[in-house]
């Protein structure tokens, strides 16, 4: 296994990780930002008010994106197995 192959596999793994986690992170960020704006506008400083909507948003996005996430992970895994077989 050459160093170039290891670097390529690492890049592919990081790219897959970011693609899989990206939608949930973006949903949490958007919900958190909107709640922060609401709290700044109304001067409500309740710390627990941010957690529940973020968790709900992340779970909703996870449920919606789960088929796509499974497809991405199985494609990545099959690609890794094909590379192992080619070596």
Protein backbone atom coordinates (compact mmCIF):
# COMPACT_ATOMS: atom_id res chain seq x y z
CA UNK A 1 0.00 0.00 0.00
CA UNK A 2 1.55 3.25 -1.12
CA UNK A 3 1.36 6.51 0.82
CA UNK A 4 -0.75 8.01 -1.97
CA UNK A 5 -3.35 5.26 -1.52
CA UNK A 6 -3.49 5.84 2.22
CA UNK A 7 -3.93 9.59 1.71
CA UNK A 8 -6.64 9.00 -0.89
CA UNK A 9 -8.52 6.63 1.43
CA UNK A 10 -8.24 9.12 4.28
CA UNK A 11 -9.58 11.92 2.10
CA UNK A 12 -12.45 9.72 0.94
CA UNK A 13 -13.28 8.79 4.54
CA UNK A 14 -13.25 12.43 5.67
CA UNK A 15 -15.37 13.50 2.70
CA UNK A 16 -17.91 10.76 3.42
CA UNK A 17 -18.00 11.72 7.11
CA UNK A 18 -18.64 15.37 6.30
CA UNK A 19 -21.32 14.50 3.76
CA UNK A 20 -23.12 12.22 6.21
CA UNK A 21 -22.91 14.58 9.18
CA UNK A 22 -23.39 17.79 7.21
CA UNK A 23 -27.18 17.94 6.98
CA UNK A 24 -27.65 17.34 10.69
CA UNK A 25 -24.98 19.87 11.65
CA UNK A 26 -26.51 22.45 9.31
CA UNK A 27 -29.98 21.91 10.77
CA UNK A 28 -28.66 22.32 14.31
CA UNK A 29 -26.81 25.46 13.30
CA UNK A 30 -29.83 27.04 11.59
CA UNK A 31 -32.14 26.26 14.51
CA UNK A 32 -29.56 27.49 17.02
CA UNK A 33 -29.03 30.71 15.11
CA UNK A 34 -32.75 31.40 14.81
CA UNK A 35 -33.30 30.74 18.52
CA UNK A 36 -30.36 33.00 19.38
CA UNK A 37 -31.85 35.79 17.29
CA UNK A 38 -35.22 35.25 18.99
CA UNK A 39 -33.59 35.33 22.43
CA UNK A 40 -31.67 38.50 21.59
CA UNK A 41 -34.82 40.19 20.32
CA UNK A 42 -36.94 39.25 23.34
CA UNK A 43 -34.21 39.38 26.03
CA UNK A 44 -35.11 35.84 27.16
CA UNK A 45 -31.97 34.13 28.44
CA UNK A 46 -33.24 30.63 29.09
CA UNK A 47 -30.41 28.15 28.45
CA UNK A 48 -32.62 25.09 28.07
CA UNK A 49 -34.66 26.75 25.35
CA UNK A 50 -31.94 26.03 22.80
CA UNK A 51 -31.42 22.34 23.47
CA UNK A 52 -34.82 20.82 22.77
CA UNK A 53 -35.44 22.47 19.37
CA UNK A 54 -31.91 21.61 18.24
CA UNK A 55 -32.32 17.98 19.24
CA UNK A 56 -35.71 17.76 17.55
CA UNK A 57 -34.36 19.37 14.37
CA UNK A 58 -31.36 17.04 14.25
CA UNK A 59 -33.55 13.96 14.73
CA UNK A 60 -36.04 15.09 12.08
CA UNK A 61 -33.24 15.67 9.58
CA UNK A 62 -31.71 12.31 10.54
CA UNK A 63 -34.98 10.49 9.89
CA UNK A 64 -35.49 12.29 6.58
CA UNK A 65 -31.90 11.80 5.39
CA UNK A 66 -31.43 8.26 6.69
CA UNK A 67 -31.92 6.47 3.32
CA UNK A 68 -29.38 8.79 1.68
CA UNK A 69 -26.95 8.35 4.60
CA UNK A 70 -27.21 4.57 4.38
CA UNK A 71 -26.60 4.73 0.62
CA UNK A 72 -23.51 6.91 1.11
CA UNK A 73 -22.08 4.62 3.79
CA UNK A 74 -22.73 1.41 1.86
CA UNK A 75 -21.18 2.92 -1.28
CA UNK A 76 -18.10 3.92 0.72
CA UNK A 77 -17.85 0.49 2.34
CA UNK A 78 -18.24 -1.35 -0.95
CA UNK A 79 -15.55 0.86 -2.48
CA UNK A 80 -13.19 0.03 0.38
CA UNK A 81 -13.87 -3.71 -0.02
CA UNK A 82 -13.26 -3.48 -3.78
CA UNK A 83 -9.94 -1.76 -3.15
CA UNK A 84 -8.96 -4.45 -0.66
CA UNK A 85 -9.80 -7.12 -3.23
CA UNK A 86 -7.75 -5.34 -5.89
CA UNK A 87 -4.63 -5.32 -3.70
